[in-house]
Amino acid sequence: MPSEEIDKKIGHVTKFSDEEGTYRGNFSNIYPKGTPYYSIINTDPKDFIAIKTQEDIFVKAYNKGHYPNDELVKKTIWMYFLLGTSVIVLLIIWIIKRKKAVL
């Protein structure tokens, strides 16, 4: 892709992994950590970005969206938060009842 179409830097690869699995954030299984990416003039970065592979050489990449497990991670965090809060509340109630029973 011609460098004249490049707008501005919008981020970089924060994690590289060629292992099986899914990671959150700006990870890549092709480009090394630190590889910059840019917006493209007159193009929504939610659709396409430009990845700088070498000096003045860019590859146009299509954004396929989030991996399905992104939502699963959010739901799991909330589930653990609610579970932890419930355990703490029940523990406080148990301690208060126990102290009243001793008096």
PDB file of N, CA and C in Angstrom:
ATOM      1  N   MET A   1       0.846  -1.167   0.000  1.00  0.00           N
ATOM      2  CA  MET A   1       0.000   0.000   0.000  1.00  0.00           C
ATOM      3  C   MET A   1       0.893   1.233   0.000  1.00  0.00           C
ATOM      4  N   PRO A   2       0.581   2.243  -0.765  1.00  0.00           N
ATOM      5  CA  PRO A   2       1.422   3.452  -0.845  1.00  0.00           C
ATOM      6  C   PRO A   2       1.424   4.253   0.457  1.00  0.00           C
ATOM      7  N   SER A   3       2.584   4.765   0.816  1.00  0.00           N
ATOM      8  CA  SER A   3       2.699   5.525   2.069  1.00  0.00           C
ATOM      9  C   SER A   3       1.923   6.834   2.028  1.00  0.00           C
ATOM     10  N   GLU A   4       1.535   7.311   0.845  1.00  0.00           N
ATOM     11  CA  GLU A   4       0.746   8.548   0.736  1.00  0.00           C
ATOM     12  C   GLU A   4      -0.659   8.372   1.299  1.00  0.00           C
ATOM     13  N   GLU A   5      -1.127   7.138   1.419  1.00  0.00           N
ATOM     14  CA  GLU A   5      -2.463   6.868   1.939  1.00  0.00           C
ATOM     15  C   GLU A   5      -2.483   6.766   3.465  1.00  0.00           C
ATOM     16  N   ILE A   6      -1.312   6.776   4.092  1.00  0.00           N
ATOM     17  CA  ILE A   6      -1.209   6.610   5.541  1.00  0.00           C
ATOM     18  C   ILE A   6      -1.546   7.918   6.233  1.00  0.00           C
ATOM     19  N   ASP A   7      -2.365   7.839   7.278  1.00  0.00           N
ATOM     20  CA  ASP A   7      -2.783   9.031   8.011  1.00  0.00           C
ATOM     21  C   ASP A   7      -1.912   9.230   9.238  1.00  0.00           C
ATOM     22  N   LYS A   8      -2.236   8.568  10.366  1.00  0.00           N
ATOM     23  CA  LYS A   8      -1.460   8.754  11.596  1.00  0.00           C
ATOM     24  C   LYS A   8      -1.351   7.440  12.368  1.00  0.00           C
ATOM     25  N   LYS A   9      -0.352   7.378  13.221  1.00  0.00           N
ATOM     26  CA  LYS A   9      -0.138   6.183  14.041  1.00  0.00           C
ATOM     27  C   LYS A   9      -1.261   6.077  15.060  1.00  0.00           C
ATOM     28  N   ILE A  10      -1.856   4.890  15.160  1.00  0.00           N
ATOM     29  CA  ILE A  10      -2.960   4.689  16.099  1.00  0.00           C
ATOM     30  C   ILE A  10      -2.661   3.599  17.132  1.00  0.00           C
ATOM     31  N   GLY A  11      -1.502   2.972  17.043  1.00  0.00           N
ATOM     32  CA  GLY A  11      -1.170   1.936  18.015  1.00  0.00           C
ATOM     33  C   GLY A  11      -0.019   1.075  17.556  1.00  0.00           C
ATOM     34  N   HIS A  12       0.196  -0.013  18.303  1.00  0.00           N
ATOM     35  CA  HIS A  12       1.257  -0.958  17.967  1.00  0.00           C
ATOM     36  C   HIS A  12       0.929  -2.317  18.575  1.00  0.00           C
ATOM     37  N   VAL A  13       1.604  -3.323  18.085  1.00  0.00           N
ATOM     38  CA  VAL A  13       1.417  -4.671  18.608  1.00  0.00           C
ATOM     39  C   VAL A  13       1.989  -4.702  20.023  1.00  0.00           C
ATOM     40  N   THR A  14       1.174  -5.139  20.986  1.00  0.00           N
ATOM     41  CA  THR A  14       1.623  -5.182  22.378  1.00  0.00           C
ATOM     42  C   THR A  14       2.021  -6.583  22.828  1.00  0.00           C
ATOM     43  N   LYS A  15       1.613  -7.594  22.053  1.00  0.00           N
ATOM     44  CA  LYS A  15       1.986  -8.966  22.411  1.00  0.00           C
ATOM     45  C   LYS A  15       2.052  -9.805  21.145  1.00  0.00           C
ATOM     46  N   PHE A  16       3.120 -10.582  21.032  1.00  0.00           N
ATOM     47  CA  PHE A  16       3.260 -11.530  19.930  1.00  0.00           C
ATOM     48  C   PHE A  16       3.150 -12.939  20.490  1.00  0.00           C
ATOM     49  N   SER A  17       2.436 -13.779  19.796  1.00  0.00           N
ATOM     50  CA  SER A  17       2.375 -15.181  20.185  1.00  0.00           C
ATOM     51  C   SER A  17       2.030 -16.023  18.974  1.00  0.00           C
ATOM     52  N   ASP A  18       2.794 -17.089  18.782  1.00  0.00           N
ATOM     53  CA  ASP A  18       2.442 -18.045  17.734  1.00  0.00           C
ATOM     54  C   ASP A  18       1.854 -19.310  18.359  1.00  0.00           C
ATOM     55  N   GLU A  19       1.534 -19.218  19.640  1.00  0.00           N
ATOM     56  CA  GLU A  19       0.901 -20.327  20.356  1.00  0.00           C
ATOM     57  C   GLU A  19      -0.600 -20.329  20.069  1.00  0.00           C
ATOM     58  N   GLU A  20      -1.211 -21.483  20.203  1.00  0.00           N
ATOM     59  CA  GLU A  20      -2.652 -21.601  20.072  1.00  0.00           C
ATOM     60  C   GLU A  20      -3.303 -20.852  21.230  1.00  0.00           C
ATOM     61  N   GLY A  21      -4.350 -20.151  20.970  1.00  0.00           N
ATOM     62  CA  GLY A  21      -5.047 -19.426  22.027  1.00  0.00           C
ATOM     63  C   GLY A  21      -5.404 -18.027  21.571  1.00  0.00           C
ATOM     64  N   THR A  22      -6.135 -17.346  22.418  1.00  0.00           N
ATOM     65  CA  THR A  22      -6.592 -16.001  22.111  1.00  0.00           C
ATOM     66  C   THR A  22      -6.138 -15.073  23.217  1.00  0.00           C
ATOM     67  N   TYR A  23      -5.680 -13.910  22.815  1.00  0.00           N
ATOM     68  CA  TYR A  23      -5.197 -12.930  23.773  1.00  0.00           C
ATOM     69  C   TYR A  23      -6.002 -11.650  23.632  1.00  0.00           C
ATOM     70  N   ARG A  24      -6.024 -10.866  24.686  1.00  0.00           N
ATOM     71  CA  ARG A  24      -6.715  -9.587  24.647  1.00  0.00           C
ATOM     72  C   ARG A  24      -5.758  -8.503  24.196  1.00  0.00           C
ATOM     73  N   GLY A  25      -6.314  -7.417  23.709  1.00  0.00           N
ATOM     74  CA  GLY A  25      -5.491  -6.274  23.351  1.00  0.00           C
ATOM     75  C   GLY A  25      -4.969  -6.355  21.930  1.00  0.00           C
ATOM     76  N   ASN A  26      -3.863  -5.717  21.691  1.00  0.00           N
ATOM     77  CA  ASN A  26      -3.296  -5.594  20.347  1.00  0.00           C
ATOM     78  C   ASN A  26      -2.248  -6.668  20.093  1.00  0.00           C
ATOM     79  N   PHE A  27      -2.672  -7.910  20.034  1.00  0.00           N
ATOM     80  CA  PHE A  27      -1.725  -8.992  19.829  1.00  0.00           C
ATOM     81  C   PHE A  27      -1.679  -9.404  18.366  1.00  0.00           C
ATOM     82  N   SER A  28      -0.606 -10.083  18.014  1.00  0.00           N
ATOM     83  CA  SER A  28      -0.445 -10.573  16.651  1.00  0.00           C
ATOM     84  C   SER A  28       0.238 -11.929  16.682  1.00  0.00           C
ATOM     85  N   ASN A  29      -0.130 -12.765  15.737  1.00  0.00           N
ATOM     86  CA  ASN A  29       0.581 -14.031  15.574  1.00  0.00           C
ATOM     87  C   ASN A  29       1.473 -13.973  14.332  1.00  0.00           C
ATOM     88  N   ILE A  30       1.594 -12.772  13.751  1.00  0.00           N
ATOM     89  CA  ILE A  30       2.448 -12.576  12.574  1.00  0.00           C
ATOM     90  C   ILE A  30       3.525 -11.536  12.837  1.00  0.00           C
ATOM     91  N   TYR A  31       3.126 -10.373  13.347  1.00  0.00           N
ATOM     92  CA  TYR A  31       4.049  -9.252  13.506  1.00  0.00           C
ATOM     93  C   TYR A  31       4.611  -9.186  14.921  1.00  0.00           C
ATOM     94  N   PRO A  32       5.888  -8.837  15.074  1.00  0.00           N
ATOM     95  CA  PRO A  32       6.508  -8.794  16.405  1.00  0.00           C
ATOM     96  C   PRO A  32       5.982  -7.642  17.261  1.00  0.00           C
ATOM     97  N   LYS A  33       6.155  -7.809  18.557  1.00  0.00           N
ATOM     98  CA  LYS A  33       5.772  -6.772  19.514  1.00  0.00           C
ATOM     99  C   LYS A  33       6.445  -5.457  19.111  1.00  0.00           C
ATOM    100  N   GLY A  34       5.679  -4.369  19.156  1.00  0.00           N
ATOM    101  CA  GLY A  34       6.204  -3.059  18.808  1.00  0.00           C
ATOM    102  C   GLY A  34       5.909  -2.638  17.375  1.00  0.00           C
ATOM    103  N   THR A  35       5.432  -3.559  16.532  1.00  0.00           N
ATOM    104  CA  THR A  35       5.107  -3.212  15.147  1.00  0.00           C
ATOM    105  C   THR A  35       3.991  -2.160  15.145  1.00  0.00           C
ATOM    106  N   PRO A  36       4.240  -0.979  14.545  1.00  0.00           N
ATOM    107  CA  PRO A  36       3.229   0.082  14.574  1.00  0.00           C
ATOM    108  C   PRO A  36       2.133  -0.127  13.532  1.00  0.00           C
ATOM    109  N   TYR A  37       0.958   0.408  13.855  1.00  0.00           N
ATOM    110  CA  TYR A  37      -0.095   0.434  12.844  1.00  0.00           C
ATOM    111  C   TYR A  37      -0.723   1.811  12.801  1.00  0.00           C
ATOM    112  N   TYR A  38      -1.291   2.116  11.636  1.00  0.00           N
ATOM    113  CA  TYR A  38      -1.719   3.468  11.300  1.00  0.00           C
ATOM    114  C   TYR A  38      -3.132   3.466  10.744  1.00  0.00           C
ATOM    115  N   SER A  39      -3.781   4.628  10.854  1.00  0.00           N
ATOM    116  CA  SER A  39      -5.055   4.805  10.172  1.00  0.00           C
ATOM    117  C   SER A  39      -4.760   5.110   8.703  1.00  0.00           C
ATOM    118  N   ILE A  40      -5.768   4.896   7.873  1.00  0.00           N
ATOM    119  CA  ILE A  40      -5.652   5.131   6.437  1.00  0.00           C
ATOM    120  C   ILE A  40      -6.574   6.305   6.089  1.00  0.00           C
ATOM    121  N   ILE A  41      -6.077   7.206   5.282  1.00  0.00           N
ATOM    122  CA  ILE A  41      -6.857   8.395   4.892  1.00  0.00           C
ATOM    123  C   ILE A  41      -8.211   7.972   4.319  1.00  0.00           C
ATOM    124  N   ASN A  42      -9.275   8.644   4.783  1.00  0.00           N
ATOM    125  CA  ASN A  42     -10.654   8.408   4.321  1.00  0.00           C
ATOM    126  C   ASN A  42     -11.139   6.984   4.551  1.00  0.00           C
ATOM    127  N   THR A  43     -10.592   6.318   5.556  1.00  0.00           N
ATOM    128  CA  THR A  43     -11.005   4.953   5.887  1.00  0.00           C
ATOM    129  C   THR A  43     -11.192   4.849   7.401  1.00  0.00           C
ATOM    130  N   ASP A  44     -12.268   4.232   7.819  1.00  0.00           N
ATOM    131  CA  ASP A  44     -12.535   4.041   9.242  1.00  0.00           C
ATOM    132  C   ASP A  44     -11.598   2.955   9.781  1.00  0.00           C
ATOM    133  N   PRO A  45     -10.813   3.250  10.837  1.00  0.00           N
ATOM    134  CA  PRO A  45      -9.906   2.242  11.409  1.00  0.00           C
ATOM    135  C   PRO A  45     -10.638   1.017  11.952  1.00  0.00           C
ATOM    136  N   LYS A  46     -11.943   1.129  12.158  1.00  0.00           N
ATOM    137  CA  LYS A  46     -12.708  -0.042  12.579  1.00  0.00           C
ATOM    138  C   LYS A  46     -12.843  -1.042  11.433  1.00  0.00           C
ATOM    139  N   ASP A  47     -12.615  -0.561  10.203  1.00  0.00           N
ATOM    140  CA  ASP A  47     -12.703  -1.438   9.030  1.00  0.00           C
ATOM    141  C   ASP A  47     -11.322  -1.898   8.556  1.00  0.00           C
ATOM    142  N   PHE A  48     -10.401  -0.933   8.369  1.00  0.00           N
ATOM    143  CA  PHE A  48      -9.068  -1.245   7.855  1.00  0.00           C
ATOM    144  C   PHE A  48      -8.007  -0.427   8.595  1.00  0.00           C
ATOM    145  N   ILE A  49      -6.823  -1.011   8.744  1.00  0.00           N
ATOM    146  CA  ILE A  49      -5.655  -0.297   9.259  1.00  0.00           C
ATOM    147  C   ILE A  49      -4.462  -0.626   8.366  1.00  0.00           C
ATOM    148  N   ALA A  50      -3.402   0.150   8.513  1.00  0.00           N
ATOM    149  CA  ALA A  50      -2.161  -0.123   7.782  1.00  0.00           C
ATOM    150  C   ALA A  50      -1.107  -0.553   8.791  1.00  0.00           C
ATOM    151  N   ILE A  51      -0.450  -1.655   8.523  1.00  0.00           N
ATOM    152  CA  ILE A  51       0.598  -2.176   9.401  1.00  0.00           C
ATOM    153  C   ILE A  51       1.942  -1.902   8.739  1.00  0.00           C
ATOM    154  N   LYS A  52       2.828  -1.260   9.499  1.00  0.00           N
ATOM    155  CA  LYS A  52       4.148  -0.927   8.953  1.00  0.00           C
ATOM    156  C   LYS A  52       5.059  -2.135   9.119  1.00  0.00           C
ATOM    157  N   THR A  53       5.430  -2.742   7.988  1.00  0.00           N
ATOM    158  CA  THR A  53       6.248  -3.950   8.038  1.00  0.00           C
ATOM    159  C   THR A  53       7.735  -3.655   7.850  1.00  0.00           C
ATOM    160  N   GLN A  54       8.037  -2.605   7.101  1.00  0.00           N
ATOM    161  CA  GLN A  54       9.415  -2.145   6.876  1.00  0.00           C
ATOM    162  C   GLN A  54       9.345  -0.638   6.667  1.00  0.00           C
ATOM    163  N   GLU A  55      10.480   0.004   6.543  1.00  0.00           N
ATOM    164  CA  GLU A  55      10.493   1.446   6.295  1.00  0.00           C
ATOM    165  C   GLU A  55       9.717   1.762   5.014  1.00  0.00           C
ATOM    166  N   ASP A  56       8.677   2.571   5.158  1.00  0.00           N
ATOM    167  CA  ASP A  56       7.815   2.990   4.039  1.00  0.00           C
ATOM    168  C   ASP A  56       7.119   1.838   3.312  1.00  0.00           C
ATOM    169  N   ILE A  57       6.980   0.705   3.975  1.00  0.00           N
ATOM    170  CA  ILE A  57       6.207  -0.407   3.410  1.00  0.00           C
ATOM    171  C   ILE A  57       5.088  -0.740   4.387  1.00  0.00           C
ATOM    172  N   PHE A  58       3.849  -0.682   3.894  1.00  0.00           N
ATOM    173  CA  PHE A  58       2.677  -0.899   4.723  1.00  0.00           C
ATOM    174  C   PHE A  58       1.807  -1.996   4.128  1.00  0.00           C
ATOM    175  N   VAL A  59       1.161  -2.746   5.002  1.00  0.00           N
ATOM    176  CA  VAL A  59       0.224  -3.787   4.597  1.00  0.00           C
ATOM    177  C   VAL A  59      -1.148  -3.358   5.091  1.00  0.00           C
ATOM    178  N   LYS A  60      -2.142  -3.434   4.224  1.00  0.00           N
ATOM    179  CA  LYS A  60      -3.509  -3.087   4.594  1.00  0.00           C
ATOM    180  C   LYS A  60      -4.147  -4.308   5.258  1.00  0.00           C
ATOM    181  N   ALA A  61      -4.704  -4.089   6.438  1.00  0.00           N
ATOM    182  CA  ALA A  61      -5.300  -5.195   7.192  1.00  0.00           C
ATOM    183  C   ALA A  61      -6.779  -4.917   7.455  1.00  0.00           C
ATOM    184  N   TYR A  62      -7.589  -5.935   7.277  1.00  0.00           N
ATOM    185  CA  TYR A  62      -9.025  -5.857   7.517  1.00  0.00           C
ATOM    186  C   TYR A  62      -9.307  -6.205   8.970  1.00  0.00           C
ATOM    187  N   ASN A  63     -10.118  -5.391   9.640  1.00  0.00           N
ATOM    188  CA  ASN A  63     -10.497  -5.654  11.024  1.00  0.00           C
ATOM    189  C   ASN A  63     -11.703  -6.586  11.034  1.00  0.00           C
ATOM    190  N   LYS A  64     -11.497  -7.796  11.510  1.00  0.00           N
ATOM    191  CA  LYS A  64     -12.584  -8.771  11.570  1.00  0.00           C
ATOM    192  C   LYS A  64     -13.404  -8.637  12.847  1.00  0.00           C
ATOM    193  N   GLY A  65     -13.020  -7.707  13.719  1.00  0.00           N
ATOM    194  CA  GLY A  65     -13.762  -7.513  14.963  1.00  0.00           C
ATOM    195  C   GLY A  65     -13.104  -8.225  16.123  1.00  0.00           C
ATOM    196  N   HIS A  66     -13.825  -8.262  17.242  1.00  0.00           N
ATOM    197  CA  HIS A  66     -13.305  -8.874  18.457  1.00  0.00           C
ATOM    198  C   HIS A  66     -13.470 -10.382  18.415  1.00  0.00           C
ATOM    199  N   TYR A  67     -12.578 -11.043  19.110  1.00  0.00           N
ATOM    200  CA  TYR A  67     -12.730 -12.480  19.260  1.00  0.00           C
ATOM    201  C   TYR A  67     -13.911 -12.757  20.174  1.00  0.00           C
ATOM    202  N   PRO A  68     -14.597 -13.860  19.967  1.00  0.00           N
ATOM    203  CA  PRO A  68     -15.780 -14.165  20.770  1.00  0.00           C
ATOM    204  C   PRO A  68     -15.491 -14.214  22.267  1.00  0.00           C
ATOM    205  N   ASN A  69     -14.284 -14.577  22.664  1.00  0.00           N
ATOM    206  CA  ASN A  69     -14.028 -14.720  24.090  1.00  0.00           C
ATOM    207  C   ASN A  69     -13.861 -13.375  24.795  1.00  0.00           C
ATOM    208  N   ASP A  70     -13.792 -12.241  24.067  1.00  0.00           N
ATOM    209  CA  ASP A  70     -13.733 -10.933  24.724  1.00  0.00           C
ATOM    210  C   ASP A  70     -14.953 -10.734  25.617  1.00  0.00           C
ATOM    211  N   GLU A  71     -16.123 -11.080  25.092  1.00  0.00           N
ATOM    212  CA  GLU A  71     -17.341 -10.952  25.884  1.00  0.00           C
ATOM    213  C   GLU A  71     -17.342 -11.958  27.029  1.00  0.00           C
ATOM    214  N   LEU A  72     -16.831 -13.147  26.779  1.00  0.00           N
ATOM    215  CA  LEU A  72     -16.757 -14.159  27.815  1.00  0.00           C
ATOM    216  C   LEU A  72     -15.868 -13.689  28.968  1.00  0.00           C
ATOM    217  N   VAL A  73     -14.752 -13.048  28.655  1.00  0.00           N
ATOM    218  CA  VAL A  73     -13.852 -12.543  29.690  1.00  0.00           C
ATOM    219  C   VAL A  73     -14.568 -11.504  30.537  1.00  0.00           C
ATOM    220  N   LYS A  74     -15.297 -10.581  29.918  1.00  0.00           N
ATOM    221  CA  LYS A  74     -16.031  -9.555  30.657  1.00  0.00           C
ATOM    222  C   LYS A  74     -17.071 -10.187  31.571  1.00  0.00           C
ATOM    223  N   LYS A  75     -17.810 -11.161  31.048  1.00  0.00           N
ATOM    224  CA  LYS A  75     -18.826 -11.835  31.860  1.00  0.00           C
ATOM    225  C   LYS A  75     -18.185 -12.584  33.020  1.00  0.00           C
ATOM    226  N   THR A  76     -17.044 -13.216  32.775  1.00  0.00           N
ATOM    227  CA  THR A  76     -16.356 -13.962  33.826  1.00  0.00           C
ATOM    228  C   THR A  76     -15.878 -13.035  34.943  1.00  0.00           C
ATOM    229  N   ILE A  77     -15.347 -11.873  34.576  1.00  0.00           N
ATOM    230  CA  ILE A  77     -14.892 -10.913  35.583  1.00  0.00           C
ATOM    231  C   ILE A  77     -16.063 -10.481  36.465  1.00  0.00           C
ATOM    232  N   TRP A  78     -17.193 -10.158  35.841  1.00  0.00           N
ATOM    233  CA  TRP A  78     -18.365  -9.757  36.618  1.00  0.00           C
ATOM    234  C   TRP A  78     -18.859 -10.904  37.500  1.00  0.00           C
ATOM    235  N   MET A  79     -18.819 -12.116  36.984  1.00  0.00           N
ATOM    236  CA  MET A  79     -19.269 -13.260  37.778  1.00  0.00           C
ATOM    237  C   MET A  79     -18.405 -13.419  39.030  1.00  0.00           C
ATOM    238  N   TYR A  80     -17.078 -13.321  38.880  1.00  0.00           N
ATOM    239  CA  TYR A  80     -16.185 -13.431  40.032  1.00  0.00           C
ATOM    240  C   TYR A  80     -16.383 -12.275  41.001  1.00  0.00           C
ATOM    241  N   PHE A  81     -16.624 -11.084  40.486  1.00  0.00           N
ATOM    242  CA  PHE A  81     -16.869  -9.927  41.350  1.00  0.00           C
ATOM    243  C   PHE A  81     -18.121 -10.146  42.188  1.00  0.00           C
ATOM    244  N   LEU A  82     -19.214 -10.570  41.553  1.00  0.00           N
ATOM    245  CA  LEU A  82     -20.465 -10.806  42.275  1.00  0.00           C
ATOM    246  C   LEU A  82     -20.326 -11.953  43.271  1.00  0.00           C
ATOM    247  N   LEU A  83     -19.640 -12.996  42.873  1.00  0.00           N
ATOM    248  CA  LEU A  83     -19.423 -14.129  43.766  1.00  0.00           C
ATOM    249  C   LEU A  83     -18.599 -13.702  44.987  1.00  0.00           C
ATOM    250  N   GLY A  84     -17.526 -12.962  44.758  1.00  0.00           N
ATOM    251  CA  GLY A  84     -16.682 -12.491  45.853  1.00  0.00           C
ATOM    252  C   GLY A  84     -17.436 -11.569  46.796  1.00  0.00           C
ATOM    253  N   THR A  85     -18.232 -10.667  46.234  1.00  0.00           N
ATOM    254  CA  THR A  85     -19.026  -9.751  47.052  1.00  0.00           C
ATOM    255  C   THR A  85     -20.039 -10.534  47.885  1.00  0.00           C
ATOM    256  N   SER A  86     -20.669 -11.514  47.295  1.00  0.00           N
ATOM    257  CA  SER A  86     -21.653 -12.334  48.023  1.00  0.00           C
ATOM    258  C   SER A  86     -20.995 -13.078  49.176  1.00  0.00           C
ATOM    259  N   VAL A  87     -19.834 -13.637  48.947  1.00  0.00           N
ATOM    260  CA  VAL A  87     -19.121 -14.365  50.006  1.00  0.00           C
ATOM    261  C   VAL A  87     -18.769 -13.416  51.149  1.00  0.00           C
ATOM    262  N   ILE A  88     -18.306 -12.226  50.838  1.00  0.00           N
ATOM    263  CA  ILE A  88     -17.949 -11.254  51.876  1.00  0.00           C
ATOM    264  C   ILE A  88     -19.187 -10.846  52.678  1.00  0.00           C
ATOM    265  N   VAL A  89     -20.302 -10.573  52.009  1.00  0.00           N
ATOM    266  CA  VAL A  89     -21.536 -10.195  52.705  1.00  0.00           C
ATOM    267  C   VAL A  89     -21.998 -11.330  53.609  1.00  0.00           C
ATOM    268  N   LEU A  90     -21.992 -12.553  53.111  1.00  0.00           N
ATOM    269  CA  LEU A  90     -22.404 -13.700  53.930  1.00  0.00           C
ATOM    270  C   LEU A  90     -21.474 -13.905  55.123  1.00  0.00           C
ATOM    271  N   LEU A  91     -20.193 -13.686  54.931  1.00  0.00           N
ATOM    272  CA  LEU A  91     -19.229 -13.806  56.016  1.00  0.00           C
ATOM    273  C   LEU A  91     -19.493 -12.750  57.090  1.00  0.00           C
ATOM    274  N   ILE A  92     -19.778 -11.535  56.702  1.00  0.00           N
ATOM    275  CA  ILE A  92     -20.085 -10.464  57.656  1.00  0.00           C
ATOM    276  C   ILE A  92     -21.357 -10.799  58.428  1.00  0.00           C
ATOM    277  N   ILE A  93     -22.388 -11.275  57.736  1.00  0.00           N
ATOM    278  CA  ILE A  93     -23.639 -11.659  58.412  1.00  0.00           C
ATOM    279  C   ILE A  93     -23.378 -12.777  59.402  1.00  0.00           C
ATOM    280  N   TRP A  94     -22.597 -13.768  59.010  1.00  0.00           N
ATOM    281  CA  TRP A  94     -22.286 -14.897  59.900  1.00  0.00           C
ATOM    282  C   TRP A  94     -21.534 -14.418  61.147  1.00  0.00           C
ATOM    283  N   ILE A  95     -20.573 -13.512  60.985  1.00  0.00           N
ATOM    284  CA  ILE A  95     -19.802 -12.985  62.123  1.00  0.00           C
ATOM    285  C   ILE A  95     -20.712 -12.201  63.057  1.00  0.00           C
ATOM    286  N   ILE A  96     -21.595 -11.375  62.505  1.00  0.00           N
ATOM    287  CA  ILE A  96     -22.510 -10.585  63.342  1.00  0.00           C
ATOM    288  C   ILE A  96     -23.441 -11.508  64.109  1.00  0.00           C
ATOM    289  N   LYS A  97     -24.016 -12.503  63.470  1.00  0.00           N
ATOM    290  CA  LYS A  97     -24.917 -13.449  64.152  1.00  0.00           C
ATOM    291  C   LYS A  97     -24.178 -14.234  65.223  1.00  0.00           C
ATOM    292  N   ARG A  98     -22.951 -14.599  64.941  1.00  0.00           N
ATOM    293  CA  ARG A  98     -22.161 -15.362  65.910  1.00  0.00           C
ATOM    294  C   ARG A  98     -21.872 -14.528  67.147  1.00  0.00           C
ATOM    295  N   LYS A  99     -21.529 -13.252  66.951  1.00  0.00           N
ATOM    296  CA  LYS A  99     -21.263 -12.364  68.093  1.00  0.00           C
ATOM    297  C   LYS A  99     -22.524 -12.158  68.919  1.00  0.00           C
ATOM    298  N   LYS A 100     -23.687 -12.012  68.293  1.00  0.00           N
ATOM    299  CA  LYS A 100     -24.947 -11.854  69.019  1.00  0.00           C
ATOM    300  C   LYS A 100     -25.283 -13.107  69.820  1.00  0.00           C
ATOM    301  N   ALA A 101     -24.974 -14.277  69.256  1.00  0.00           N
ATOM    302  CA  ALA A 101     -25.266 -15.537  69.939  1.00  0.00           C
ATOM    303  C   ALA A 101     -24.382 -15.697  71.173  1.00  0.00           C
ATOM    304  N   VAL A 102     -23.159 -15.173  71.137  1.00  0.00           N
ATOM    305  CA  VAL A 102     -22.240 -15.284  72.263  1.00  0.00           C
ATOM    306  C   VAL A 102     -22.681 -14.373  73.388  1.00  0.00           C
ATOM    307  N   LEU A 103     -23.235 -13.222  73.054  1.00  0.00           N
ATOM    308  CA  LEU A 103     -23.664 -12.253  74.083  1.00  0.00           C
ATOM    309  C   LEU A 103     -24.893 -12.790  74.716  1.00  0.00           C
TER     310      LEU A 103
END
